[in-house]
């Protein structure tokens, strides 16, 4: 699999990907509001179609993953993309790699913990605040779990 920087793709392709998978390119999390189509990131293509996409930001000495999507699960796409961001974060001398996910995202919790991340903190009722900015966030998520809280997950790099 070949990894591309998102800058190598046409921006409208990235925007359409986020619209299809997230409803819009806008991501609202406790660390801020982001237009994912404008963030740095990496992607994996299959026959010109995006099958994996990760976006991130770097602030001070921390790298935060804002989004990660793998369309073909179980093939190492998500792992490869996280490794790309981790390697870049180390090159940029970041001390911490982190992300925020919602309480219903059990697959993400499992995925990241298997890759050396640990649960750092719970931000109670963070999704209620996010819904004020992005009302399209559903009330019920994966496995019928009400989406309420955010969970910060971290990995020390240095």
Protein backbone atom coordinates (compact mmCIF):
# COMPACT_ATOMS: atom_id res chain seq x y z
CA UNK A 1 0.00 0.00 0.00
CA UNK A 2 1.26 3.42 -0.89
CA UNK A 3 0.66 6.35 1.43
CA UNK A 4 0.11 9.82 -0.02
CA UNK A 5 0.09 13.19 1.67
CA UNK A 6 -3.42 14.67 1.38
CA UNK A 7 -1.92 17.65 -0.48
CA UNK A 8 -1.28 15.27 -3.39
CA UNK A 9 -5.03 14.77 -3.92
CA UNK A 10 -7.55 17.16 -5.38
CA UNK A 11 -9.18 19.03 -2.52
CA UNK A 12 -12.71 18.31 -3.79
CA UNK A 13 -11.96 14.58 -3.48
CA UNK A 14 -11.13 15.06 0.21
CA UNK A 15 -14.22 17.23 0.79
CA UNK A 16 -16.50 14.65 -0.85
CA UNK A 17 -14.95 11.88 1.26
CA UNK A 18 -15.73 13.75 4.49
CA UNK A 19 -19.23 14.69 3.33
CA UNK A 20 -20.01 11.06 2.55
CA UNK A 21 -18.53 9.58 5.76
CA UNK A 22 -19.11 12.38 8.29
CA UNK A 23 -21.83 14.57 6.79
CA UNK A 24 -19.38 17.43 6.34
CA UNK A 25 -15.63 18.12 6.56
CA UNK A 26 -16.22 19.89 9.88
CA UNK A 27 -15.12 18.03 13.00
CA UNK A 28 -16.10 19.37 16.40
CA UNK A 29 -14.17 18.01 19.39
CA UNK A 30 -13.24 19.43 22.76
CA UNK A 31 -9.87 20.63 21.43
CA UNK A 32 -11.52 22.76 18.74
CA UNK A 33 -13.51 22.96 15.53
CA UNK A 34 -11.65 21.76 12.45
CA UNK A 35 -12.29 21.66 8.74
CA UNK A 36 -10.68 18.29 8.07
CA UNK A 37 -10.33 19.04 4.35
CA UNK A 38 -7.87 21.80 5.30
CA UNK A 39 -5.74 19.76 7.71
CA UNK A 40 -2.51 17.93 7.05
CA UNK A 41 -2.85 14.21 6.69
CA UNK A 42 -2.19 11.04 4.79
CA UNK A 43 -4.33 8.85 2.58
CA UNK A 44 -4.28 5.45 0.93
CA UNK A 45 -5.94 4.91 -2.43
CA UNK A 46 -7.23 1.85 -4.24
CA UNK A 47 -7.77 2.41 -7.96
CA UNK A 48 -7.98 6.15 -7.34
CA UNK A 49 -10.56 5.81 -4.56
CA UNK A 50 -9.76 6.83 -0.97
CA UNK A 51 -9.80 3.75 1.26
CA UNK A 52 -8.02 5.31 4.22
CA UNK A 53 -7.55 8.88 5.46
CA UNK A 54 -6.03 10.41 8.58
CA UNK A 55 -5.78 14.08 9.54
CA UNK A 56 -3.81 15.68 12.33
CA UNK A 57 -2.62 18.93 13.87
CA UNK A 58 0.58 19.76 15.71
CA UNK A 59 0.48 22.26 18.57
CA UNK A 60 3.61 22.92 20.57
CA UNK A 61 5.08 19.49 21.27
CA UNK A 62 1.86 17.49 20.80
CA UNK A 63 0.38 15.88 17.73
CA UNK A 64 -3.37 15.30 17.75
CA UNK A 65 -5.12 12.94 15.35
CA UNK A 66 -8.34 14.66 14.35
CA UNK A 67 -9.81 11.98 12.10
CA UNK A 68 -9.06 8.44 10.99
CA UNK A 69 -11.12 6.50 8.50
CA UNK A 70 -10.42 3.05 7.09
CA UNK A 71 -12.96 1.88 4.56
CA UNK A 72 -11.57 -1.65 4.30
CA UNK A 73 -11.13 -2.75 7.91
CA UNK A 74 -8.75 -5.50 8.96
CA UNK A 75 -6.23 -4.87 6.17
CA UNK A 76 -3.74 -2.71 8.08
CA UNK A 77 -4.84 0.58 6.53
CA UNK A 78 -5.59 2.35 9.81
CA UNK A 79 -2.41 0.99 11.40
CA UNK A 80 -0.28 2.21 8.50
CA UNK A 81 -1.84 5.69 8.62
CA UNK A 82 -1.37 6.00 12.39
CA UNK A 83 2.26 4.89 11.98
CA UNK A 84 2.79 7.61 9.36
CA UNK A 85 1.50 10.28 11.72
CA UNK A 86 3.49 8.85 14.62
CA UNK A 87 6.71 8.86 12.57
CA UNK A 88 6.08 12.44 11.48
CA UNK A 89 5.34 13.49 15.06
CA UNK A 90 8.63 11.98 16.22
CA UNK A 91 10.50 13.83 13.42
CA UNK A 92 8.83 17.05 14.56
CA UNK A 93 9.98 16.26 18.12
CA UNK A 94 6.49 15.90 19.53
CA UNK A 95 6.42 14.31 22.96
CA UNK A 96 2.83 13.12 22.76
CA UNK A 97 0.45 11.70 20.19
CA UNK A 98 -3.18 12.03 21.19
CA UNK A 99 -6.74 11.90 19.96
CA UNK A 100 -10.29 12.19 21.19
CA UNK A 101 -13.07 9.75 20.44
CA UNK A 102 -16.61 9.35 21.71
CA UNK A 103 -17.75 6.94 24.41
CA UNK A 104 -19.63 4.76 21.90
CA UNK A 105 -16.60 4.14 19.67
CA UNK A 106 -15.54 0.80 21.14
CA UNK A 107 -13.71 -0.19 17.94
CA UNK A 108 -11.49 2.89 18.19
CA UNK A 109 -10.81 2.27 21.87
CA UNK A 110 -9.73 -1.28 21.08
CA UNK A 111 -7.73 -0.24 17.97
CA UNK A 112 -5.68 2.45 19.68
CA UNK A 113 -5.00 0.53 22.90
CA UNK A 114 -3.59 -2.36 20.84
CA UNK A 115 -1.17 0.19 19.33
CA UNK A 116 0.23 1.45 22.61
CA UNK A 117 -2.20 4.26 23.43
CA UNK A 118 -3.66 4.64 26.91
CA UNK A 119 -6.86 6.25 28.16
CA UNK A 120 -5.99 9.67 29.54
CA UNK A 121 -9.19 11.43 30.54
CA UNK A 122 -12.94 11.49 30.10
CA UNK A 123 -14.57 14.76 29.10
CA UNK A 124 -18.11 14.36 30.41
CA UNK A 125 -20.97 15.71 28.26
CA UNK A 126 -18.53 17.08 25.66
CA UNK A 127 -20.73 15.88 22.81
CA UNK A 128 -23.69 17.94 24.05
CA UNK A 129 -21.49 21.02 23.65
CA UNK A 130 -20.33 19.86 20.22
CA UNK A 131 -23.95 19.42 19.07
CA UNK A 132 -24.53 23.15 19.65
CA UNK A 133 -21.97 23.78 16.91
CA UNK A 134 -22.78 20.73 14.76
CA UNK A 135 -26.42 19.69 15.36
CA UNK A 136 -26.10 16.71 13.00
CA UNK A 137 -24.15 14.67 15.56
CA UNK A 138 -26.44 11.73 16.36
CA UNK A 139 -27.77 11.08 19.85
CA UNK A 140 -27.25 7.32 19.58
CA UNK A 141 -24.06 5.78 18.24
CA UNK A 142 -22.48 2.41 17.73
CA UNK A 143 -24.21 -0.56 19.35
CA UNK A 144 -27.11 1.65 20.49
CA UNK A 145 -24.90 3.53 22.97
CA UNK A 146 -25.92 7.15 23.67
CA UNK A 147 -23.15 9.49 22.52
CA UNK A 148 -22.32 11.82 25.41
CA UNK A 149 -18.69 11.89 26.41
CA UNK A 150 -15.30 12.20 24.79
CA UNK A 151 -12.36 10.03 25.76
CA UNK A 152 -8.85 11.37 25.29
CA UNK A 153 -6.30 8.71 24.36
CA UNK A 154 -2.56 9.37 24.43
CA UNK A 155 0.75 7.78 23.50
CA UNK A 156 4.07 9.07 24.80
CA UNK A 157 6.64 9.42 22.01
CA UNK A 158 9.83 10.53 23.76
